[in-house]
Amino acid sequence: MFRPSRPLATLSLLAVLASSTAIFAQDDGLYDAPVDPNTAFIRVLSPGAAVAVVNGTTVDQVTDGLSAYVNVQPGDIDVAAGDVSGSVSAQPGAYYTYAWSAAGEPVVLTDQPANDPSKATVYFYNFSDLPSVDLFVPSAKVKAIEGVAGDTTKSVALKAPLTLDFEVQSDGTSVAKVAALDLKRRGGVSIVFTGTAGNYTASAVQNQFFRAQ
């Protein structure tokens, strides 16, 4: 059991799950100028993609297949990456990740950034064939995020700045690792877990934003 007297007790690791209310100014380096509070933000996750298109805007800020968020007005928004495409029904103030499941089906996930500027948000996505996985912090011996079903996401707001290692666990067994992940105040980082039949990987990407003209 994790006790306050142990090392890293000051992490306050499970501070709060991120609020479902999207606050556009919480992720580091969003915009220098104010943005319409009704704006929605959409990004695309397509492993292997080098470019994404959101609402007609071409985005080359893509890392490990995850594009930067693009600001859009609410409504039905077309997205594409490579030879795949789809659409998102965007609501005011919401954040979305458009992705494809392990079976190749389109998935629209609603992201939940933190609303506390002293914290960082860790977004965790399970696109593997495992029915449920946890995000574990070995140094603190605690689960940061529990029970993430396949083709779904959960997030957690953690104290920052901080550098942590993470493990993806299935039934208490480590199946993938992410080392030395930097958590920044007002920032967000996404951990994407993928794989099938015992061959699993996890990649971490600092969230980015691309301002559409």
N, C-alpha and C. Protein backbone atom coordinates (compact mmCIF):
# COMPACT_ATOMS: atom_id res chain seq x y z
N MET A 1 0.85 -1.20 0.00
CA MET A 1 0.00 0.00 0.00
C MET A 1 0.88 1.25 0.00
N PHE A 2 0.54 2.20 -0.79
CA PHE A 2 1.29 3.45 -0.88
C PHE A 2 0.99 4.33 0.32
N ARG A 3 2.06 4.73 1.06
CA ARG A 3 1.88 5.56 2.26
C ARG A 3 2.59 6.89 2.07
N PRO A 4 2.06 7.96 2.68
CA PRO A 4 2.65 9.30 2.50
C PRO A 4 4.11 9.39 2.89
N SER A 5 4.59 8.50 3.80
CA SER A 5 5.96 8.60 4.26
C SER A 5 6.97 8.10 3.24
N ARG A 6 6.52 7.41 2.21
CA ARG A 6 7.43 6.87 1.21
C ARG A 6 7.90 7.95 0.25
N PRO A 7 8.99 7.67 -0.51
CA PRO A 7 9.46 8.66 -1.51
C PRO A 7 8.38 9.00 -2.50
N LEU A 8 8.44 10.24 -2.96
CA LEU A 8 7.50 10.77 -3.96
C LEU A 8 6.11 10.97 -3.40
N ALA A 9 6.00 11.04 -2.08
CA ALA A 9 4.69 11.27 -1.50
C ALA A 9 4.11 12.60 -1.91
N THR A 10 4.98 13.54 -2.25
CA THR A 10 4.51 14.88 -2.63
C THR A 10 3.90 14.92 -4.01
N LEU A 11 3.87 13.80 -4.71
CA LEU A 11 3.30 13.81 -6.06
C LEU A 11 1.82 14.17 -6.06
N SER A 12 1.11 13.81 -4.99
CA SER A 12 -0.35 13.90 -4.98
C SER A 12 -0.88 13.28 -6.26
N LEU A 13 -0.47 12.05 -6.51
CA LEU A 13 -0.58 11.46 -7.83
C LEU A 13 -1.99 11.35 -8.35
N LEU A 14 -2.89 11.01 -7.48
CA LEU A 14 -4.27 10.88 -7.95
C LEU A 14 -5.06 12.10 -7.53
N ALA A 15 -4.60 13.25 -7.92
CA ALA A 15 -5.20 14.51 -7.49
C ALA A 15 -6.68 14.54 -7.82
N VAL A 16 -7.00 14.55 -9.07
CA VAL A 16 -8.40 14.52 -9.50
C VAL A 16 -8.45 14.04 -10.94
N LEU A 17 -9.50 13.36 -11.30
CA LEU A 17 -9.71 13.09 -12.72
C LEU A 17 -10.06 14.38 -13.40
N ALA A 18 -9.61 14.55 -14.62
CA ALA A 18 -9.85 15.80 -15.33
C ALA A 18 -11.33 16.05 -15.48
N SER A 19 -11.70 17.30 -15.34
CA SER A 19 -13.10 17.70 -15.48
C SER A 19 -13.59 17.47 -16.89
N SER A 20 -14.89 17.17 -17.02
CA SER A 20 -15.46 16.96 -18.36
C SER A 20 -15.63 18.29 -19.09
N THR A 21 -15.46 19.39 -18.39
CA THR A 21 -15.53 20.70 -19.02
C THR A 21 -14.20 21.04 -19.66
N ALA A 22 -14.19 21.25 -20.94
CA ALA A 22 -12.95 21.54 -21.66
C ALA A 22 -12.57 22.99 -21.50
N ILE A 23 -11.35 23.23 -20.99
CA ILE A 23 -10.87 24.60 -20.81
C ILE A 23 -9.77 24.84 -21.83
N PHE A 24 -10.02 25.71 -22.81
CA PHE A 24 -9.14 25.78 -23.96
C PHE A 24 -7.75 26.27 -23.63
N ALA A 25 -7.54 26.97 -22.50
CA ALA A 25 -6.22 27.53 -22.23
C ALA A 25 -5.36 26.64 -21.33
N GLN A 26 -5.77 25.40 -21.04
CA GLN A 26 -5.05 24.61 -20.06
C GLN A 26 -3.82 23.92 -20.60
N ASP A 27 -3.78 23.52 -21.84
CA ASP A 27 -2.61 22.82 -22.35
C ASP A 27 -1.54 23.81 -22.77
N ASP A 28 -0.30 23.47 -22.41
CA ASP A 28 0.82 24.38 -22.60
C ASP A 28 0.99 24.77 -24.07
N GLY A 29 1.19 26.05 -24.31
CA GLY A 29 1.50 26.51 -25.65
C GLY A 29 0.33 26.50 -26.59
N LEU A 30 -0.88 26.71 -26.08
CA LEU A 30 -2.05 26.65 -26.96
C LEU A 30 -2.06 27.82 -27.92
N TYR A 31 -2.36 28.98 -27.44
CA TYR A 31 -2.41 30.16 -28.31
C TYR A 31 -1.90 31.38 -27.54
N ASP A 32 -1.32 32.28 -28.28
CA ASP A 32 -0.92 33.54 -27.67
C ASP A 32 -2.11 34.51 -27.60
N ALA A 33 -3.04 34.38 -28.53
CA ALA A 33 -4.20 35.28 -28.56
C ALA A 33 -5.44 34.53 -28.09
N PRO A 34 -6.42 35.25 -27.54
CA PRO A 34 -7.65 34.59 -27.09
C PRO A 34 -8.36 33.87 -28.22
N VAL A 35 -9.05 32.79 -27.85
CA VAL A 35 -9.81 32.00 -28.81
C VAL A 35 -11.26 32.01 -28.37
N ASP A 36 -12.16 32.04 -29.33
CA ASP A 36 -13.60 31.98 -29.05
C ASP A 36 -13.89 30.83 -28.10
N PRO A 37 -14.51 31.07 -26.93
CA PRO A 37 -14.79 30.00 -25.97
C PRO A 37 -15.71 28.92 -26.51
N ASN A 38 -16.40 29.18 -27.60
CA ASN A 38 -17.25 28.16 -28.21
C ASN A 38 -16.47 27.23 -29.15
N THR A 39 -15.19 27.54 -29.34
CA THR A 39 -14.36 26.73 -30.23
C THR A 39 -14.27 25.29 -29.74
N ALA A 40 -14.24 24.36 -30.68
CA ALA A 40 -13.94 22.97 -30.39
C ALA A 40 -12.54 22.65 -30.93
N PHE A 41 -11.96 21.55 -30.45
CA PHE A 41 -10.62 21.16 -30.87
C PHE A 41 -10.63 19.70 -31.29
N ILE A 42 -10.08 19.42 -32.45
CA ILE A 42 -10.10 18.07 -33.00
C ILE A 42 -8.69 17.68 -33.47
N ARG A 43 -8.31 16.45 -33.19
CA ARG A 43 -7.06 15.90 -33.72
C ARG A 43 -7.33 14.49 -34.25
N VAL A 44 -6.35 13.96 -34.97
CA VAL A 44 -6.48 12.66 -35.61
C VAL A 44 -5.36 11.75 -35.14
N LEU A 45 -5.71 10.51 -34.82
CA LEU A 45 -4.72 9.49 -34.46
C LEU A 45 -4.78 8.38 -35.49
N SER A 46 -3.71 8.25 -36.28
CA SER A 46 -3.63 7.22 -37.32
C SER A 46 -2.19 6.76 -37.40
N PRO A 47 -1.83 5.64 -36.77
CA PRO A 47 -0.45 5.18 -36.78
C PRO A 47 0.15 5.14 -38.18
N GLY A 48 1.34 5.72 -38.31
CA GLY A 48 2.01 5.77 -39.60
C GLY A 48 1.74 7.01 -40.40
N ALA A 49 0.70 7.76 -40.04
CA ALA A 49 0.37 8.98 -40.78
C ALA A 49 1.40 10.07 -40.51
N ALA A 50 1.73 10.83 -41.54
CA ALA A 50 2.66 11.96 -41.41
C ALA A 50 1.93 13.28 -41.52
N VAL A 51 0.72 13.26 -42.07
CA VAL A 51 -0.09 14.46 -42.26
C VAL A 51 -1.54 14.11 -41.97
N ALA A 52 -2.27 15.06 -41.38
CA ALA A 52 -3.70 14.91 -41.15
C ALA A 52 -4.41 16.13 -41.72
N VAL A 53 -5.69 15.98 -42.01
CA VAL A 53 -6.51 17.08 -42.50
C VAL A 53 -7.73 17.19 -41.60
N VAL A 54 -7.93 18.38 -41.03
CA VAL A 54 -9.07 18.63 -40.15
C VAL A 54 -9.82 19.85 -40.66
N ASN A 55 -11.05 19.65 -41.09
CA ASN A 55 -11.88 20.75 -41.58
C ASN A 55 -11.19 21.52 -42.72
N GLY A 56 -10.50 20.78 -43.57
CA GLY A 56 -9.81 21.39 -44.70
C GLY A 56 -8.43 21.95 -44.39
N THR A 57 -8.03 21.92 -43.12
CA THR A 57 -6.71 22.41 -42.73
C THR A 57 -5.72 21.26 -42.69
N THR A 58 -4.65 21.38 -43.44
CA THR A 58 -3.61 20.34 -43.45
C THR A 58 -2.66 20.55 -42.28
N VAL A 59 -2.45 19.50 -41.50
CA VAL A 59 -1.63 19.58 -40.29
C VAL A 59 -0.45 18.64 -40.44
N ASP A 60 0.76 19.20 -40.44
CA ASP A 60 1.95 18.36 -40.51
C ASP A 60 2.61 18.18 -39.15
N GLN A 61 1.99 18.72 -38.10
CA GLN A 61 2.47 18.47 -36.75
C GLN A 61 1.88 17.14 -36.29
N VAL A 62 2.56 16.07 -36.66
CA VAL A 62 2.11 14.71 -36.36
C VAL A 62 3.28 13.94 -35.76
N THR A 63 3.08 13.37 -34.57
CA THR A 63 4.11 12.59 -33.89
C THR A 63 3.56 11.21 -33.57
N ASP A 64 4.24 10.18 -34.02
CA ASP A 64 3.78 8.80 -33.81
C ASP A 64 2.33 8.63 -34.23
N GLY A 65 1.95 9.30 -35.31
CA GLY A 65 0.60 9.16 -35.84
C GLY A 65 -0.45 10.04 -35.19
N LEU A 66 -0.08 10.82 -34.16
CA LEU A 66 -1.03 11.68 -33.45
C LEU A 66 -0.82 13.13 -33.87
N SER A 67 -1.85 13.74 -34.44
CA SER A 67 -1.71 15.11 -34.93
C SER A 67 -1.93 16.11 -33.81
N ALA A 68 -1.58 17.36 -34.10
CA ALA A 68 -1.94 18.46 -33.22
C ALA A 68 -3.45 18.67 -33.25
N TYR A 69 -4.00 19.25 -32.18
CA TYR A 69 -5.40 19.67 -32.18
C TYR A 69 -5.56 20.87 -33.12
N VAL A 70 -6.68 20.92 -33.79
CA VAL A 70 -7.01 22.04 -34.67
C VAL A 70 -8.29 22.70 -34.13
N ASN A 71 -8.29 24.01 -34.02
CA ASN A 71 -9.48 24.72 -33.56
C ASN A 71 -10.51 24.81 -34.69
N VAL A 72 -11.76 24.50 -34.36
CA VAL A 72 -12.85 24.53 -35.35
C VAL A 72 -14.09 25.13 -34.69
N GLN A 73 -15.01 25.58 -35.51
CA GLN A 73 -16.31 25.98 -35.01
C GLN A 73 -17.19 24.73 -34.87
N PRO A 74 -18.11 24.74 -33.91
CA PRO A 74 -18.96 23.56 -33.70
C PRO A 74 -19.71 23.18 -34.97
N GLY A 75 -19.97 21.88 -35.12
CA GLY A 75 -20.68 21.38 -36.28
C GLY A 75 -20.08 20.06 -36.74
N ASP A 76 -20.47 19.59 -37.91
CA ASP A 76 -19.95 18.36 -38.47
C ASP A 76 -18.64 18.66 -39.20
N ILE A 77 -17.55 18.09 -38.70
CA ILE A 77 -16.21 18.42 -39.18
C ILE A 77 -15.59 17.20 -39.86
N ASP A 78 -15.14 17.40 -41.10
CA ASP A 78 -14.47 16.33 -41.84
C ASP A 78 -13.02 16.20 -41.38
N VAL A 79 -12.56 14.94 -41.25
CA VAL A 79 -11.17 14.67 -40.90
C VAL A 79 -10.63 13.57 -41.82
N ALA A 80 -9.31 13.53 -41.97
CA ALA A 80 -8.69 12.50 -42.81
C ALA A 80 -7.22 12.35 -42.43
N ALA A 81 -6.70 11.15 -42.72
CA ALA A 81 -5.28 10.88 -42.56
C ALA A 81 -4.95 9.73 -43.49
N GLY A 82 -4.00 9.93 -44.39
CA GLY A 82 -3.68 8.90 -45.36
C GLY A 82 -4.87 8.61 -46.25
N ASP A 83 -5.25 7.33 -46.35
CA ASP A 83 -6.37 6.97 -47.20
C ASP A 83 -7.66 6.72 -46.42
N VAL A 84 -7.71 7.20 -45.16
CA VAL A 84 -8.92 7.04 -44.34
C VAL A 84 -9.51 8.41 -44.03
N SER A 85 -10.81 8.45 -43.84
CA SER A 85 -11.47 9.73 -43.56
C SER A 85 -12.73 9.48 -42.75
N GLY A 86 -13.30 10.57 -42.20
CA GLY A 86 -14.52 10.48 -41.42
C GLY A 86 -14.98 11.86 -41.02
N SER A 87 -15.81 11.93 -39.99
CA SER A 87 -16.29 13.23 -39.52
C SER A 87 -16.56 13.19 -38.01
N VAL A 88 -16.55 14.36 -37.41
CA VAL A 88 -16.80 14.53 -35.98
C VAL A 88 -17.91 15.56 -35.81
N SER A 89 -18.91 15.24 -34.99
CA SER A 89 -19.95 16.22 -34.64
C SER A 89 -19.46 16.99 -33.42
N ALA A 90 -18.82 18.12 -33.66
CA ALA A 90 -18.13 18.87 -32.61
C ALA A 90 -19.09 19.78 -31.84
N GLN A 91 -18.98 19.73 -30.52
CA GLN A 91 -19.75 20.58 -29.63
C GLN A 91 -18.89 21.72 -29.10
N PRO A 92 -19.48 22.86 -28.73
CA PRO A 92 -18.69 23.99 -28.25
C PRO A 92 -17.82 23.63 -27.04
N GLY A 93 -16.56 24.03 -27.08
CA GLY A 93 -15.65 23.86 -25.95
C GLY A 93 -15.12 22.46 -25.75
N ALA A 94 -15.42 21.53 -26.64
CA ALA A 94 -15.01 20.14 -26.44
C ALA A 94 -13.73 19.81 -27.21
N TYR A 95 -13.04 18.79 -26.72
CA TYR A 95 -11.83 18.27 -27.35
C TYR A 95 -12.11 16.86 -27.86
N TYR A 96 -11.64 16.54 -29.07
CA TYR A 96 -11.90 15.23 -29.65
C TYR A 96 -10.63 14.64 -30.26
N THR A 97 -10.52 13.31 -30.16
CA THR A 97 -9.52 12.56 -30.91
C THR A 97 -10.25 11.59 -31.81
N TYR A 98 -10.03 11.73 -33.12
CA TYR A 98 -10.62 10.81 -34.10
C TYR A 98 -9.58 9.75 -34.40
N ALA A 99 -9.96 8.48 -34.18
CA ALA A 99 -9.00 7.39 -34.33
C ALA A 99 -9.67 6.19 -34.98
N TRP A 100 -8.89 5.13 -35.13
CA TRP A 100 -9.42 3.88 -35.68
C TRP A 100 -9.06 2.76 -34.72
N SER A 101 -10.01 1.87 -34.47
CA SER A 101 -9.83 0.79 -33.51
C SER A 101 -8.85 -0.26 -34.05
N ALA A 102 -8.52 -1.24 -33.18
CA ALA A 102 -7.64 -2.33 -33.61
C ALA A 102 -8.26 -3.11 -34.76
N ALA A 103 -9.60 -3.07 -34.85
CA ALA A 103 -10.30 -3.77 -35.93
C ALA A 103 -10.48 -2.90 -37.16
N GLY A 104 -9.97 -1.65 -37.10
CA GLY A 104 -10.06 -0.75 -38.24
C GLY A 104 -11.33 0.06 -38.32
N GLU A 105 -12.12 0.06 -37.25
CA GLU A 105 -13.36 0.84 -37.24
C GLU A 105 -13.10 2.25 -36.70
N PRO A 106 -13.79 3.28 -37.24
CA PRO A 106 -13.61 4.64 -36.74
C PRO A 106 -14.12 4.80 -35.32
N VAL A 107 -13.39 5.58 -34.53
CA VAL A 107 -13.74 5.84 -33.13
C VAL A 107 -13.57 7.33 -32.86
N VAL A 108 -14.58 7.97 -32.30
CA VAL A 108 -14.49 9.37 -31.89
C VAL A 108 -14.48 9.41 -30.37
N LEU A 109 -13.39 9.89 -29.80
CA LEU A 109 -13.24 9.94 -28.35
C LEU A 109 -13.21 11.39 -27.88
N THR A 110 -13.90 11.65 -26.77
CA THR A 110 -13.92 12.99 -26.17
C THR A 110 -12.84 13.06 -25.11
N ASP A 111 -11.90 13.99 -25.27
CA ASP A 111 -10.81 14.17 -24.31
C ASP A 111 -11.22 15.13 -23.21
N GLN A 112 -10.54 14.99 -22.05
CA GLN A 112 -10.91 15.78 -20.88
C GLN A 112 -9.68 16.45 -20.28
N PRO A 113 -9.30 17.62 -20.76
CA PRO A 113 -8.14 18.32 -20.20
C PRO A 113 -8.41 18.83 -18.79
N ALA A 114 -7.34 18.97 -18.01
CA ALA A 114 -7.47 19.47 -16.65
C ALA A 114 -7.88 20.93 -16.66
N ASN A 115 -8.56 21.35 -15.59
CA ASN A 115 -8.92 22.75 -15.46
C ASN A 115 -8.15 23.45 -14.35
N ASP A 116 -7.04 22.83 -13.92
CA ASP A 116 -6.18 23.41 -12.89
C ASP A 116 -4.82 23.68 -13.53
N PRO A 117 -4.42 24.95 -13.67
CA PRO A 117 -3.16 25.27 -14.35
C PRO A 117 -1.91 24.79 -13.64
N SER A 118 -2.03 24.33 -12.38
CA SER A 118 -0.86 23.80 -11.67
C SER A 118 -0.61 22.34 -11.98
N LYS A 119 -1.51 21.72 -12.76
CA LYS A 119 -1.41 20.29 -13.03
C LYS A 119 -1.16 20.02 -14.50
N ALA A 120 -0.75 18.79 -14.78
CA ALA A 120 -0.63 18.28 -16.14
C ALA A 120 -1.67 17.19 -16.32
N THR A 121 -2.17 17.05 -17.54
CA THR A 121 -3.13 16.00 -17.83
C THR A 121 -2.46 14.88 -18.59
N VAL A 122 -2.64 13.66 -18.10
CA VAL A 122 -2.18 12.47 -18.82
C VAL A 122 -3.41 11.82 -19.45
N TYR A 123 -3.41 11.74 -20.78
CA TYR A 123 -4.48 11.09 -21.52
C TYR A 123 -4.00 9.68 -21.88
N PHE A 124 -4.83 8.67 -21.61
CA PHE A 124 -4.43 7.29 -21.86
C PHE A 124 -5.45 6.62 -22.77
N TYR A 125 -4.97 6.05 -23.89
CA TYR A 125 -5.83 5.43 -24.89
C TYR A 125 -5.49 3.95 -25.02
N ASN A 126 -6.51 3.11 -24.99
CA ASN A 126 -6.31 1.68 -25.17
C ASN A 126 -6.86 1.27 -26.54
N PHE A 127 -5.96 1.10 -27.51
CA PHE A 127 -6.35 0.62 -28.83
C PHE A 127 -5.77 -0.77 -29.10
N SER A 128 -5.73 -1.57 -28.06
CA SER A 128 -5.22 -2.94 -28.16
C SER A 128 -6.39 -3.93 -28.16
N ASP A 129 -6.04 -5.23 -28.22
CA ASP A 129 -7.08 -6.26 -28.12
C ASP A 129 -7.35 -6.67 -26.68
N LEU A 130 -6.69 -6.03 -25.71
CA LEU A 130 -6.94 -6.33 -24.31
C LEU A 130 -8.21 -5.62 -23.84
N PRO A 131 -9.12 -6.33 -23.16
CA PRO A 131 -10.41 -5.75 -22.79
C PRO A 131 -10.33 -4.66 -21.72
N SER A 132 -9.26 -4.66 -20.93
CA SER A 132 -9.12 -3.64 -19.89
C SER A 132 -7.66 -3.57 -19.44
N VAL A 133 -7.13 -2.35 -19.33
CA VAL A 133 -5.76 -2.16 -18.87
C VAL A 133 -5.72 -0.99 -17.89
N ASP A 134 -4.63 -0.95 -17.11
CA ASP A 134 -4.41 0.12 -16.14
C ASP A 134 -3.10 0.83 -16.47
N LEU A 135 -3.02 2.10 -16.08
CA LEU A 135 -1.78 2.87 -16.20
C LEU A 135 -1.19 2.98 -14.80
N PHE A 136 0.00 2.40 -14.63
CA PHE A 136 0.62 2.22 -13.32
C PHE A 136 1.89 3.05 -13.22
N VAL A 137 2.15 3.61 -12.02
CA VAL A 137 3.38 4.38 -11.77
C VAL A 137 4.28 3.56 -10.84
N PRO A 138 5.32 2.92 -11.37
CA PRO A 138 6.15 2.03 -10.54
C PRO A 138 6.78 2.71 -9.33
N SER A 139 7.27 3.93 -9.49
CA SER A 139 7.97 4.60 -8.39
C SER A 139 7.07 4.86 -7.20
N ALA A 140 5.79 5.05 -7.44
CA ALA A 140 4.84 5.31 -6.36
C ALA A 140 4.00 4.08 -6.02
N LYS A 141 4.12 3.03 -6.84
CA LYS A 141 3.38 1.79 -6.63
C LYS A 141 1.88 2.06 -6.55
N VAL A 142 1.38 2.80 -7.53
CA VAL A 142 -0.03 3.17 -7.53
C VAL A 142 -0.54 3.24 -8.97
N LYS A 143 -1.81 2.94 -9.16
CA LYS A 143 -2.43 3.07 -10.47
C LYS A 143 -2.89 4.51 -10.67
N ALA A 144 -2.39 5.14 -11.72
CA ALA A 144 -2.83 6.50 -12.03
C ALA A 144 -4.19 6.48 -12.70
N ILE A 145 -4.42 5.48 -13.57
CA ILE A 145 -5.69 5.33 -14.27
C ILE A 145 -6.03 3.85 -14.28
N GLU A 146 -7.28 3.52 -13.96
CA GLU A 146 -7.70 2.12 -13.89
C GLU A 146 -8.80 1.80 -14.89
N GLY A 147 -8.80 0.55 -15.34
CA GLY A 147 -9.91 -0.01 -16.09
C GLY A 147 -10.25 0.70 -17.38
N VAL A 148 -9.26 0.86 -18.26
CA VAL A 148 -9.51 1.49 -19.56
C VAL A 148 -9.84 0.40 -20.57
N ALA A 149 -11.08 0.36 -20.99
CA ALA A 149 -11.54 -0.67 -21.93
C ALA A 149 -10.97 -0.43 -23.31
N GLY A 150 -11.04 -1.45 -24.16
CA GLY A 150 -10.56 -1.32 -25.52
C GLY A 150 -11.29 -0.23 -26.28
N ASP A 151 -10.53 0.53 -27.09
CA ASP A 151 -11.07 1.61 -27.92
C ASP A 151 -11.73 2.72 -27.09
N THR A 152 -11.20 2.95 -25.89
CA THR A 152 -11.70 4.04 -25.04
C THR A 152 -10.50 4.79 -24.46
N THR A 153 -10.81 5.88 -23.77
CA THR A 153 -9.78 6.70 -23.15
C THR A 153 -10.21 7.16 -21.77
N LYS A 154 -9.23 7.39 -20.92
CA LYS A 154 -9.44 8.05 -19.64
C LYS A 154 -8.27 9.00 -19.42
N SER A 155 -8.45 9.96 -18.53
CA SER A 155 -7.37 10.90 -18.23
C SER A 155 -7.31 11.17 -16.75
N VAL A 156 -6.17 11.70 -16.32
CA VAL A 156 -5.97 12.06 -14.92
C VAL A 156 -5.13 13.33 -14.86
N ALA A 157 -5.42 14.19 -13.90
CA ALA A 157 -4.64 15.41 -13.68
C ALA A 157 -3.65 15.16 -12.55
N LEU A 158 -2.35 15.41 -12.82
CA LEU A 158 -1.29 15.14 -11.87
C LEU A 158 -0.51 16.41 -11.57
N LYS A 159 0.09 16.43 -10.38
CA LYS A 159 0.95 17.55 -10.00
C LYS A 159 2.09 17.68 -11.01
N ALA A 160 2.51 18.91 -11.26
CA ALA A 160 3.59 19.16 -12.21
C ALA A 160 4.37 20.39 -11.74
N PRO A 161 5.62 20.56 -12.22
CA PRO A 161 6.36 19.69 -13.15
C PRO A 161 6.88 18.44 -12.44
N LEU A 162 7.05 17.38 -13.23
CA LEU A 162 7.45 16.09 -12.69
C LEU A 162 7.87 15.20 -13.85
N THR A 163 8.79 14.28 -13.61
CA THR A 163 9.18 13.28 -14.59
C THR A 163 8.89 11.91 -14.01
N LEU A 164 8.11 11.11 -14.73
CA LEU A 164 7.68 9.80 -14.22
C LEU A 164 7.82 8.72 -15.28
N ASP A 165 8.06 7.50 -14.82
CA ASP A 165 7.93 6.32 -15.66
C ASP A 165 6.52 5.76 -15.47
N PHE A 166 5.97 5.19 -16.55
CA PHE A 166 4.66 4.56 -16.48
C PHE A 166 4.73 3.14 -17.04
N GLU A 167 3.85 2.28 -16.53
CA GLU A 167 3.65 0.95 -17.08
C GLU A 167 2.20 0.78 -17.46
N VAL A 168 1.96 0.06 -18.55
CA VAL A 168 0.60 -0.39 -18.86
C VAL A 168 0.50 -1.81 -18.31
N GLN A 169 -0.52 -2.05 -17.49
CA GLN A 169 -0.68 -3.35 -16.86
C GLN A 169 -2.01 -3.99 -17.25
N SER A 170 -1.96 -5.31 -17.41
CA SER A 170 -3.15 -6.12 -17.63
C SER A 170 -3.20 -7.17 -16.54
N ASP A 171 -4.22 -7.11 -15.70
CA ASP A 171 -4.34 -8.03 -14.56
C ASP A 171 -3.08 -8.03 -13.70
N GLY A 172 -2.51 -6.85 -13.50
CA GLY A 172 -1.35 -6.70 -12.63
C GLY A 172 -0.02 -7.03 -13.27
N THR A 173 -0.03 -7.43 -14.54
CA THR A 173 1.21 -7.76 -15.25
C THR A 173 1.58 -6.65 -16.23
N SER A 174 2.83 -6.22 -16.22
CA SER A 174 3.28 -5.17 -17.11
C SER A 174 3.35 -5.69 -18.54
N VAL A 175 2.73 -4.95 -19.47
CA VAL A 175 2.73 -5.36 -20.88
C VAL A 175 3.38 -4.31 -21.79
N ALA A 176 3.64 -3.12 -21.26
CA ALA A 176 4.32 -2.07 -22.02
C ALA A 176 4.78 -0.99 -21.05
N LYS A 177 5.81 -0.22 -21.46
CA LYS A 177 6.36 0.80 -20.59
C LYS A 177 6.61 2.09 -21.34
N VAL A 178 6.53 3.21 -20.60
CA VAL A 178 6.93 4.52 -21.11
C VAL A 178 7.87 5.12 -20.07
N ALA A 179 9.09 5.45 -20.48
CA ALA A 179 10.10 5.92 -19.53
C ALA A 179 10.25 7.43 -19.56
N ALA A 180 10.52 7.99 -18.38
CA ALA A 180 10.91 9.39 -18.22
C ALA A 180 9.99 10.35 -18.96
N LEU A 181 8.73 10.29 -18.63
CA LEU A 181 7.74 11.17 -19.27
C LEU A 181 7.68 12.50 -18.52
N ASP A 182 7.93 13.59 -19.23
CA ASP A 182 7.92 14.92 -18.61
C ASP A 182 6.50 15.46 -18.53
N LEU A 183 6.07 15.79 -17.33
CA LEU A 183 4.77 16.41 -17.10
C LEU A 183 4.97 17.88 -16.80
N LYS A 184 4.26 18.73 -17.53
CA LYS A 184 4.43 20.17 -17.42
C LYS A 184 3.13 20.83 -16.95
N ARG A 185 3.27 21.89 -16.17
CA ARG A 185 2.08 22.63 -15.74
C ARG A 185 1.32 23.15 -16.96
N ARG A 186 0.01 23.06 -16.90
CA ARG A 186 -0.88 23.50 -17.98
C ARG A 186 -0.68 22.67 -19.24
N GLY A 187 0.06 21.57 -19.13
CA GLY A 187 0.36 20.76 -20.30
C GLY A 187 -0.43 19.47 -20.34
N GLY A 188 -0.35 18.81 -21.47
CA GLY A 188 -1.00 17.53 -21.63
C GLY A 188 -0.09 16.59 -22.41
N VAL A 189 -0.13 15.33 -22.05
CA VAL A 189 0.63 14.30 -22.76
C VAL A 189 -0.28 13.10 -22.98
N SER A 190 -0.16 12.48 -24.14
CA SER A 190 -1.02 11.36 -24.50
C SER A 190 -0.20 10.08 -24.57
N ILE A 191 -0.67 9.04 -23.87
CA ILE A 191 -0.06 7.72 -23.94
C ILE A 191 -1.00 6.83 -24.75
N VAL A 192 -0.50 6.31 -25.86
CA VAL A 192 -1.31 5.49 -26.76
C VAL A 192 -0.81 4.05 -26.69
N PHE A 193 -1.68 3.14 -26.27
CA PHE A 193 -1.35 1.73 -26.11
C PHE A 193 -1.99 0.94 -27.24
N THR A 194 -1.17 0.18 -27.96
CA THR A 194 -1.67 -0.58 -29.11
C THR A 194 -1.07 -1.99 -29.11
N GLY A 195 -1.65 -2.86 -29.94
CA GLY A 195 -1.09 -4.18 -30.13
C GLY A 195 -2.13 -5.28 -30.04
N THR A 196 -1.71 -6.46 -30.47
CA THR A 196 -2.57 -7.64 -30.44
C THR A 196 -1.73 -8.88 -30.15
N ALA A 197 -2.41 -9.92 -29.66
CA ALA A 197 -1.83 -11.26 -29.50
C ALA A 197 -0.50 -11.27 -28.75
N GLY A 198 -0.41 -10.48 -27.68
CA GLY A 198 0.78 -10.47 -26.83
C GLY A 198 1.90 -9.56 -27.28
N ASN A 199 1.73 -8.89 -28.42
CA ASN A 199 2.75 -7.95 -28.92
C ASN A 199 2.22 -6.53 -28.75
N TYR A 200 2.66 -5.85 -27.68
CA TYR A 200 2.08 -4.57 -27.32
C TYR A 200 3.14 -3.49 -27.19
N THR A 201 2.76 -2.26 -27.50
CA THR A 201 3.65 -1.11 -27.35
C THR A 201 2.86 0.07 -26.80
N ALA A 202 3.59 0.98 -26.17
CA ALA A 202 3.00 2.24 -25.68
C ALA A 202 3.90 3.37 -26.11
N SER A 203 3.31 4.43 -26.67
CA SER A 203 4.08 5.61 -27.06
C SER A 203 3.49 6.83 -26.38
N ALA A 204 4.33 7.80 -26.10
CA ALA A 204 3.90 9.02 -25.43
C ALA A 204 4.18 10.22 -26.30
N VAL A 205 3.20 11.11 -26.43
CA VAL A 205 3.31 12.29 -27.28
C VAL A 205 2.85 13.51 -26.50
N GLN A 206 3.66 14.55 -26.47
CA GLN A 206 3.23 15.81 -25.87
C GLN A 206 2.15 16.43 -26.77
N ASN A 207 1.04 16.84 -26.19
CA ASN A 207 -0.04 17.42 -26.97
C ASN A 207 0.41 18.72 -27.65
N GLN A 208 -0.04 18.89 -28.89
CA GLN A 208 0.27 20.08 -29.67
C GLN A 208 -1.02 20.73 -30.17
N PHE A 209 -0.89 22.01 -30.55
CA PHE A 209 -2.03 22.74 -31.08
C PHE A 209 -1.63 23.47 -32.35
N PHE A 210 -2.50 23.44 -33.32
CA PHE A 210 -2.29 24.09 -34.60
C PHE A 210 -3.45 25.04 -34.84
N ARG A 211 -3.16 26.31 -34.95
CA ARG A 211 -4.24 27.28 -35.12
C ARG A 211 -4.64 27.39 -36.57
N ALA A 212 -5.88 27.03 -36.87
CA ALA A 212 -6.41 27.17 -38.23
C ALA A 212 -6.64 28.64 -38.52
N GLN A 213 -6.34 29.05 -39.75
CA GLN A 213 -6.50 30.45 -40.13
C GLN A 213 -7.96 30.77 -40.40
